[in-house]
Amino acid sequence: MKFNGIGKLIWRVVKLAFFLFVGISLFFVLLFKFVNPPVTWLMISRGFERKADGKEWKIDKQWVDFDSIADPMKRAAVAAEDQKFLGHFGFDFKALEHAIDNNAKKNKKLIGGSTISQQTAKNVFLWQGRSFIRKGFEAWFTMLIEICWSKKRIMEVYLNVIEMGDGIYGVEAAAQAYYHKHASQLTKKQSAAIASIFPSPLKWSPTKPSARVQRHQYLILKSMRRLGPLDF
């Protein structure tokens, strides 16, 4: 009898924790549908990493609305990261399967299969890491933003919060830092150059590209030309 009582108590605590999690996550997803996320865990953790390295605290970001971002930048993001962005419901299972197959082979560089929606969910709501628990939370928040947000809002948030350099977050900060212009004025080549460093923004530079980054920029430009109309 005593054991059954403890079991019921544990079950009640688990149910309460579950409903609290669902309620809180829904609240923030709906909040950020209308309110721009002020900061992310990555920005904060990178700030502390800079301080640990003896550098000054730096979070360079400036929010810009979707319509104030150059169309080539939106196309470059889709071409580089998620060419099926407008057609899927948050997940690209073929890309994920390809990533798993590639990463299982020895002497192959690890690649990711995350969509723009998944990257947005991870950046806004979660911490960095590769654990199965974090991936589960990522899937949950990806489904929520796909249900509650429009593709336009997902792209707007994505291009405003992702890391684009050391202490640089979002396309406006990147446009100013690298090209000294507003995000609305980015050209096709500049947009492709910025998108080419998304996989490793702390190591790569769009203005001082290595041969590898230049190759990536070239492939993004080709993909941008092949993309059909982006109907947000």
C-alpha atoms as a PDB file:
ATOM      1  CA  MET A   1       0.000   0.000   0.000  1.00  0.00           C
ATOM      2  CA  LYS A   2       2.783   2.402   0.901  1.00  0.00           C
ATOM      3  CA  PHE A   3       4.529   1.631  -2.388  1.00  0.00           C
ATOM      4  CA  ASN A   4       1.332   2.303  -4.334  1.00  0.00           C
ATOM      5  CA  GLY A   5       0.988   5.669  -2.600  1.00  0.00           C
ATOM      6  CA  ILE A   6       4.518   6.667  -3.547  1.00  0.00           C
ATOM      7  CA  GLY A   7       3.913   5.499  -7.112  1.00  0.00           C
ATOM      8  CA  LYS A   8       0.764   7.618  -7.391  1.00  0.00           C
ATOM      9  CA  LEU A   9       2.611  10.639  -6.023  1.00  0.00           C
ATOM     10  CA  ILE A  10       5.421  10.208  -8.542  1.00  0.00           C
ATOM     11  CA  TRP A  11       2.870   9.842 -11.351  1.00  0.00           C
ATOM     12  CA  ARG A  12       1.136  13.051 -10.274  1.00  0.00           C
ATOM     13  CA  VAL A  13       4.442  14.916 -10.197  1.00  0.00           C
ATOM     14  CA  VAL A  14       5.318  13.605 -13.666  1.00  0.00           C
ATOM     15  CA  LYS A  15       1.921  14.655 -15.045  1.00  0.00           C
ATOM     16  CA  LEU A  16       2.215  18.077 -13.450  1.00  0.00           C
ATOM     17  CA  ALA A  17       5.723  18.552 -14.866  1.00  0.00           C
ATOM     18  CA  PHE A  18       4.503  17.478 -18.307  1.00  0.00           C
ATOM     19  CA  PHE A  19       1.556  19.871 -18.374  1.00  0.00           C
ATOM     20  CA  LEU A  20       3.724  22.696 -17.024  1.00  0.00           C
ATOM     21  CA  PHE A  21       6.278  22.089 -19.764  1.00  0.00           C
ATOM     22  CA  VAL A  22       3.616  22.012 -22.473  1.00  0.00           C
ATOM     23  CA  GLY A  23       1.958  25.153 -21.128  1.00  0.00           C
ATOM     24  CA  ILE A  24       5.197  27.117 -20.733  1.00  0.00           C
ATOM     25  CA  SER A  25       6.537  26.088 -24.147  1.00  0.00           C
ATOM     26  CA  LEU A  26       3.241  27.027 -25.825  1.00  0.00           C
ATOM     27  CA  PHE A  27       3.273  30.373 -24.027  1.00  0.00           C
ATOM     28  CA  PHE A  28       6.731  31.300 -25.294  1.00  0.00           C
ATOM     29  CA  VAL A  29       6.083  30.042 -28.828  1.00  0.00           C
ATOM     30  CA  LEU A  30       2.938  32.160 -29.026  1.00  0.00           C
ATOM     31  CA  LEU A  31       4.706  35.116 -27.382  1.00  0.00           C
ATOM     32  CA  PHE A  32       7.558  35.046 -29.904  1.00  0.00           C
ATOM     33  CA  LYS A  33       5.068  34.888 -32.738  1.00  0.00           C
ATOM     34  CA  PHE A  34       4.460  38.577 -32.013  1.00  0.00           C
ATOM     35  CA  VAL A  35       7.410  39.640 -29.828  1.00  0.00           C
ATOM     36  CA  ASN A  36      10.966  39.470 -31.112  1.00  0.00           C
ATOM     37  CA  PRO A  37      13.243  37.212 -28.991  1.00  0.00           C
ATOM     38  CA  PRO A  38      15.554  39.587 -27.095  1.00  0.00           C
ATOM     39  CA  VAL A  39      18.449  37.150 -26.632  1.00  0.00           C
ATOM     40  CA  THR A  40      19.314  33.456 -27.015  1.00  0.00           C
ATOM     41  CA  TRP A  41      21.231  30.945 -24.895  1.00  0.00           C
ATOM     42  CA  LEU A  42      23.930  30.825 -27.579  1.00  0.00           C
ATOM     43  CA  MET A  43      24.478  34.590 -27.411  1.00  0.00           C
ATOM     44  CA  ILE A  44      24.859  34.435 -23.634  1.00  0.00           C
ATOM     45  CA  SER A  45      27.147  31.394 -23.652  1.00  0.00           C
ATOM     46  CA  ARG A  46      29.335  32.898 -26.390  1.00  0.00           C
ATOM     47  CA  GLY A  47      29.569  36.077 -24.324  1.00  0.00           C
ATOM     48  CA  PHE A  48      30.894  34.139 -21.361  1.00  0.00           C
ATOM     49  CA  GLU A  49      33.311  32.241 -23.629  1.00  0.00           C
ATOM     50  CA  ARG A  50      34.709  35.566 -24.832  1.00  0.00           C
ATOM     51  CA  LYS A  51      35.139  36.743 -21.238  1.00  0.00           C
ATOM     52  CA  ALA A  52      36.915  33.494 -20.357  1.00  0.00           C
ATOM     53  CA  ASP A  53      39.301  34.111 -23.271  1.00  0.00           C
ATOM     54  CA  GLY A  54      40.080  37.588 -21.963  1.00  0.00           C
ATOM     55  CA  LYS A  55      37.955  39.384 -24.548  1.00  0.00           C
ATOM     56  CA  GLU A  56      35.249  41.953 -23.942  1.00  0.00           C
ATOM     57  CA  TRP A  57      31.597  40.958 -23.745  1.00  0.00           C
ATOM     58  CA  LYS A  58      30.058  41.258 -27.197  1.00  0.00           C
ATOM     59  CA  ILE A  59      26.560  40.616 -28.504  1.00  0.00           C
ATOM     60  CA  ASP A  60      26.267  42.613 -31.711  1.00  0.00           C
ATOM     61  CA  LYS A  61      22.691  42.356 -32.962  1.00  0.00           C
ATOM     62  CA  GLN A  62      19.999  44.608 -34.383  1.00  0.00           C
ATOM     63  CA  TRP A  63      16.559  43.330 -35.293  1.00  0.00           C
ATOM     64  CA  VAL A  64      15.230  44.042 -38.780  1.00  0.00           C
ATOM     65  CA  ASP A  65      11.763  43.177 -40.057  1.00  0.00           C
ATOM     66  CA  PHE A  66      11.307  40.568 -42.758  1.00  0.00           C
ATOM     67  CA  ASP A  67      10.589  43.171 -45.443  1.00  0.00           C
ATOM     68  CA  SER A  68      13.791  45.043 -44.558  1.00  0.00           C
ATOM     69  CA  ILE A  69      15.973  42.058 -45.424  1.00  0.00           C
ATOM     70  CA  ALA A  70      17.213  41.874 -49.002  1.00  0.00           C
ATOM     71  CA  ASP A  71      15.491  39.168 -51.042  1.00  0.00           C
ATOM     72  CA  PRO A  72      18.874  37.693 -52.114  1.00  0.00           C
ATOM     73  CA  MET A  73      19.682  37.062 -48.438  1.00  0.00           C
ATOM     74  CA  LYS A  74      16.489  35.070 -47.982  1.00  0.00           C
ATOM     75  CA  ARG A  75      17.205  33.101 -51.147  1.00  0.00           C
ATOM     76  CA  ALA A  76      20.791  32.504 -50.069  1.00  0.00           C
ATOM     77  CA  ALA A  77      19.651  31.144 -46.691  1.00  0.00           C
ATOM     78  CA  VAL A  78      17.212  28.742 -48.362  1.00  0.00           C
ATOM     79  CA  ALA A  79      19.766  27.722 -50.994  1.00  0.00           C
ATOM     80  CA  ALA A  80      22.471  27.095 -48.408  1.00  0.00           C
ATOM     81  CA  GLU A  81      20.555  25.520 -45.547  1.00  0.00           C
ATOM     82  CA  ASP A  82      17.146  24.195 -46.540  1.00  0.00           C
ATOM     83  CA  GLN A  83      16.003  24.191 -50.157  1.00  0.00           C
ATOM     84  CA  LYS A  84      12.702  22.517 -49.249  1.00  0.00           C
ATOM     85  CA  PHE A  85      11.943  25.068 -46.529  1.00  0.00           C
ATOM     86  CA  LEU A  86       8.653  26.286 -47.994  1.00  0.00           C
ATOM     87  CA  GLY A  87       7.408  22.782 -48.738  1.00  0.00           C
ATOM     88  CA  HIS A  88       8.062  20.761 -45.594  1.00  0.00           C
ATOM     89  CA  PHE A  89       6.518  20.772 -42.122  1.00  0.00           C
ATOM     90  CA  GLY A  90       9.709  21.405 -40.215  1.00  0.00           C
ATOM     91  CA  PHE A  91      11.664  18.261 -41.101  1.00  0.00           C
ATOM     92  CA  ASP A  92      13.490  17.085 -44.220  1.00  0.00           C
ATOM     93  CA  PHE A  93      13.797  13.349 -43.706  1.00  0.00           C
ATOM     94  CA  LYS A  94      15.783  12.755 -46.912  1.00  0.00           C
ATOM     95  CA  ALA A  95      18.391  15.299 -45.841  1.00  0.00           C
ATOM     96  CA  LEU A  96      18.487  13.719 -42.391  1.00  0.00           C
ATOM     97  CA  GLU A  97      18.961  10.240 -43.891  1.00  0.00           C
ATOM     98  CA  HIS A  98      21.763  11.540 -46.096  1.00  0.00           C
ATOM     99  CA  ALA A  99      23.459  13.161 -43.094  1.00  0.00           C
ATOM    100  CA  ILE A 100      23.237   9.924 -41.082  1.00  0.00           C
ATOM    101  CA  ASP A 101      24.656   7.871 -43.969  1.00  0.00           C
ATOM    102  CA  ASN A 102      27.482  10.353 -44.525  1.00  0.00           C
ATOM    103  CA  ASN A 103      28.382  10.647 -40.856  1.00  0.00           C
ATOM    104  CA  ALA A 104      28.479   6.862 -40.481  1.00  0.00           C
ATOM    105  CA  LYS A 105      31.336   6.646 -42.990  1.00  0.00           C
ATOM    106  CA  LYS A 106      34.895   7.013 -41.799  1.00  0.00           C
ATOM    107  CA  ASN A 107      37.035   9.909 -43.011  1.00  0.00           C
ATOM    108  CA  LYS A 108      33.915  11.883 -43.903  1.00  0.00           C
ATOM    109  CA  LYS A 109      33.282  15.365 -42.552  1.00  0.00           C
ATOM    110  CA  LEU A 110      30.238  15.454 -40.270  1.00  0.00           C
ATOM    111  CA  ILE A 111      27.274  17.222 -41.833  1.00  0.00           C
ATOM    112  CA  GLY A 112      23.930  18.199 -40.379  1.00  0.00           C
ATOM    113  CA  GLY A 113      20.433  17.508 -41.628  1.00  0.00           C
ATOM    114  CA  SER A 114      18.640  20.240 -39.704  1.00  0.00           C
ATOM    115  CA  THR A 115      16.106  22.429 -41.483  1.00  0.00           C
ATOM    116  CA  ILE A 116      15.797  26.179 -41.031  1.00  0.00           C
ATOM    117  CA  SER A 117      12.803  25.501 -38.777  1.00  0.00           C
ATOM    118  CA  GLN A 118      14.858  23.157 -36.586  1.00  0.00           C
ATOM    119  CA  GLN A 119      17.737  25.620 -36.398  1.00  0.00           C
ATOM    120  CA  THR A 120      15.321  28.397 -35.432  1.00  0.00           C
ATOM    121  CA  ALA A 121      13.753  26.254 -32.695  1.00  0.00           C
ATOM    122  CA  LYS A 122      17.196  25.323 -31.374  1.00  0.00           C
ATOM    123  CA  ASN A 123      18.513  28.888 -31.368  1.00  0.00           C
ATOM    124  CA  VAL A 124      15.473  30.545 -29.802  1.00  0.00           C
ATOM    125  CA  PHE A 125      14.350  27.984 -27.218  1.00  0.00           C
ATOM    126  CA  LEU A 126      17.235  25.628 -26.462  1.00  0.00           C
ATOM    127  CA  TRP A 127      20.875  25.232 -25.555  1.00  0.00           C
ATOM    128  CA  GLN A 128      23.631  23.975 -27.842  1.00  0.00           C
ATOM    129  CA  GLY A 129      24.504  20.277 -27.892  1.00  0.00           C
ATOM    130  CA  ARG A 130      23.933  16.952 -29.610  1.00  0.00           C
ATOM    131  CA  SER A 131      22.214  14.874 -26.928  1.00  0.00           C
ATOM    132  CA  PHE A 132      19.075  12.868 -27.680  1.00  0.00           C
ATOM    133  CA  ILE A 133      17.207  14.843 -25.012  1.00  0.00           C
ATOM    134  CA  ARG A 134      18.000  18.156 -26.682  1.00  0.00           C
ATOM    135  CA  LYS A 135      17.091  16.713 -30.074  1.00  0.00           C
ATOM    136  CA  GLY A 136      13.741  15.621 -28.648  1.00  0.00           C
ATOM    137  CA  PHE A 137      13.061  19.125 -27.354  1.00  0.00           C
ATOM    138  CA  GLU A 138      14.159  20.505 -30.713  1.00  0.00           C
ATOM    139  CA  ALA A 139      11.618  18.327 -32.528  1.00  0.00           C
ATOM    140  CA  TRP A 140       8.885  19.463 -30.118  1.00  0.00           C
ATOM    141  CA  PHE A 141       9.602  23.173 -30.585  1.00  0.00           C
ATOM    142  CA  THR A 142      10.005  22.699 -34.342  1.00  0.00           C
ATOM    143  CA  MET A 143       6.490  21.262 -34.556  1.00  0.00           C
ATOM    144  CA  LEU A 144       5.127  24.079 -32.399  1.00  0.00           C
ATOM    145  CA  ILE A 145       6.589  26.899 -34.482  1.00  0.00           C
ATOM    146  CA  GLU A 146       5.485  25.205 -37.704  1.00  0.00           C
ATOM    147  CA  ILE A 147       1.938  25.081 -36.311  1.00  0.00           C
ATOM    148  CA  CYS A 148       1.860  28.516 -34.678  1.00  0.00           C
ATOM    149  CA  TRP A 149       4.141  30.635 -36.861  1.00  0.00           C
ATOM    150  CA  SER A 150       4.133  31.341 -40.581  1.00  0.00           C
ATOM    151  CA  LYS A 151       7.108  30.450 -42.776  1.00  0.00           C
ATOM    152  CA  LYS A 152       7.686  34.180 -43.104  1.00  0.00           C
ATOM    153  CA  ARG A 153       7.978  34.548 -39.322  1.00  0.00           C
ATOM    154  CA  ILE A 154      10.293  31.532 -39.050  1.00  0.00           C
ATOM    155  CA  MET A 155      12.614  32.998 -41.687  1.00  0.00           C
ATOM    156  CA  GLU A 156      12.486  36.441 -40.073  1.00  0.00           C
ATOM    157  CA  VAL A 157      13.451  35.074 -36.657  1.00  0.00           C
ATOM    158  CA  TYR A 158      16.084  32.767 -38.148  1.00  0.00           C
ATOM    159  CA  LEU A 159      17.875  35.557 -40.005  1.00  0.00           C
ATOM    160  CA  ASN A 160      17.809  37.759 -36.918  1.00  0.00           C
ATOM    161  CA  VAL A 161      19.174  35.368 -34.283  1.00  0.00           C
ATOM    162  CA  ILE A 162      21.660  32.986 -35.896  1.00  0.00           C
ATOM    163  CA  GLU A 163      25.377  33.404 -35.322  1.00  0.00           C
ATOM    164  CA  MET A 164      27.163  35.089 -38.238  1.00  0.00           C
ATOM    165  CA  GLY A 165      30.565  35.804 -36.724  1.00  0.00           C
ATOM    166  CA  ASP A 166      32.400  36.307 -33.445  1.00  0.00           C
ATOM    167  CA  GLY A 167      29.807  38.148 -31.351  1.00  0.00           C
ATOM    168  CA  ILE A 168      27.756  38.894 -34.476  1.00  0.00           C
ATOM    169  CA  TYR A 169      24.134  37.733 -34.571  1.00  0.00           C
ATOM    170  CA  GLY A 170      21.599  38.295 -37.292  1.00  0.00           C
ATOM    171  CA  VAL A 171      21.775  39.614 -40.812  1.00  0.00           C
ATOM    172  CA  GLU A 172      21.732  43.328 -39.955  1.00  0.00           C
ATOM    173  CA  ALA A 173      24.753  43.054 -37.665  1.00  0.00           C
ATOM    174  CA  ALA A 174      26.506  40.916 -40.296  1.00  0.00           C
ATOM    175  CA  ALA A 175      25.727  43.354 -43.127  1.00  0.00           C
ATOM    176  CA  GLN A 176      27.070  46.248 -41.065  1.00  0.00           C
ATOM    177  CA  ALA A 177      30.172  44.378 -39.833  1.00  0.00           C
ATOM    178  CA  TYR A 178      31.215  42.903 -43.165  1.00  0.00           C
ATOM    179  CA  TYR A 179      29.907  45.340 -45.776  1.00  0.00           C
ATOM    180  CA  HIS A 180      29.004  48.516 -43.851  1.00  0.00           C
ATOM    181  CA  LYS A 181      25.503  48.596 -45.243  1.00  0.00           C
ATOM    182  CA  HIS A 182      21.910  47.847 -44.257  1.00  0.00           C
ATOM    183  CA  ALA A 183      20.571  44.297 -44.618  1.00  0.00           C
ATOM    184  CA  SER A 184      18.153  45.570 -47.273  1.00  0.00           C
ATOM    185  CA  GLN A 185      21.091  46.525 -49.508  1.00  0.00           C
ATOM    186  CA  LEU A 186      22.902  43.183 -49.648  1.00  0.00           C
ATOM    187  CA  THR A 187      23.669  41.945 -53.154  1.00  0.00           C
ATOM    188  CA  LYS A 188      23.434  38.368 -54.391  1.00  0.00           C
ATOM    189  CA  LYS A 189      27.178  37.784 -54.003  1.00  0.00           C
ATOM    190  CA  GLN A 190      27.281  39.335 -50.539  1.00  0.00           C
ATOM    191  CA  SER A 191      24.248  37.333 -49.428  1.00  0.00           C
ATOM    192  CA  ALA A 192      25.791  34.105 -50.720  1.00  0.00           C
ATOM    193  CA  ALA A 193      29.074  34.981 -48.995  1.00  0.00           C
ATOM    194  CA  ILE A 194      27.326  35.465 -45.639  1.00  0.00           C
ATOM    195  CA  ALA A 195      25.329  32.247 -46.087  1.00  0.00           C
ATOM    196  CA  SER A 196      28.515  30.367 -46.953  1.00  0.00           C
ATOM    197  CA  ILE A 197      29.843  30.799 -43.390  1.00  0.00           C
ATOM    198  CA  PHE A 198      26.685  29.580 -41.599  1.00  0.00           C
ATOM    199  CA  PRO A 199      28.177  26.122 -40.873  1.00  0.00           C
ATOM    200  CA  SER A 200      31.178  27.609 -39.035  1.00  0.00           C
ATOM    201  CA  PRO A 201      30.812  31.370 -38.440  1.00  0.00           C
ATOM    202  CA  LEU A 202      33.620  31.567 -35.868  1.00  0.00           C
ATOM    203  CA  LYS A 203      36.197  30.081 -38.259  1.00  0.00           C
ATOM    204  CA  TRP A 204      35.108  31.419 -41.645  1.00  0.00           C
ATOM    205  CA  SER A 205      34.744  34.940 -43.023  1.00  0.00           C
ATOM    206  CA  PRO A 206      32.659  36.172 -45.968  1.00  0.00           C
ATOM    207  CA  THR A 207      35.105  38.998 -46.692  1.00  0.00           C
ATOM    208  CA  LYS A 208      38.296  36.970 -46.256  1.00  0.00           C
ATOM    209  CA  PRO A 209      37.157  33.624 -47.635  1.00  0.00           C
ATOM    210  CA  SER A 210      39.278  30.519 -47.832  1.00  0.00           C
ATOM    211  CA  ALA A 211      39.151  28.435 -51.009  1.00  0.00           C
ATOM    212  CA  ARG A 212      36.613  26.200 -49.315  1.00  0.00           C
ATOM    213  CA  VAL A 213      34.335  29.135 -48.446  1.00  0.00           C
ATOM    214  CA  GLN A 214      34.654  30.513 -51.984  1.00  0.00           C
ATOM    215  CA  ARG A 215      33.603  27.121 -53.351  1.00  0.00           C
ATOM    216  CA  HIS A 216      30.641  27.065 -51.000  1.00  0.00           C
ATOM    217  CA  GLN A 217      29.642  30.582 -52.061  1.00  0.00           C
ATOM    218  CA  TYR A 218      29.790  29.539 -55.726  1.00  0.00           C
ATOM    219  CA  LEU A 219      27.521  26.540 -55.085  1.00  0.00           C
ATOM    220  CA  ILE A 220      25.051  28.709 -53.144  1.00  0.00           C
ATOM    221  CA  LEU A 221      24.869  31.188 -56.029  1.00  0.00           C
ATOM    222  CA  LYS A 222      24.147  28.319 -58.431  1.00  0.00           C
ATOM    223  CA  SER A 223      21.408  27.014 -56.155  1.00  0.00           C
ATOM    224  CA  MET A 224      19.927  30.511 -55.811  1.00  0.00           C
ATOM    225  CA  ARG A 225      19.521  30.690 -59.578  1.00  0.00           C
ATOM    226  CA  ARG A 226      17.814  27.284 -59.657  1.00  0.00           C
ATOM    227  CA  LEU A 227      15.337  28.086 -56.911  1.00  0.00           C
ATOM    228  CA  GLY A 228      11.837  28.920 -58.008  1.00  0.00           C
ATOM    229  CA  PRO A 229       9.860  31.851 -56.589  1.00  0.00           C
ATOM    230  CA  LEU A 230       9.968  32.038 -52.786  1.00  0.00           C
ATOM    231  CA  ASP A 231       6.360  32.658 -51.889  1.00  0.00           C
ATOM    232  CA  PHE A 232       6.365  33.669 -48.225  1.00  0.00           C
END
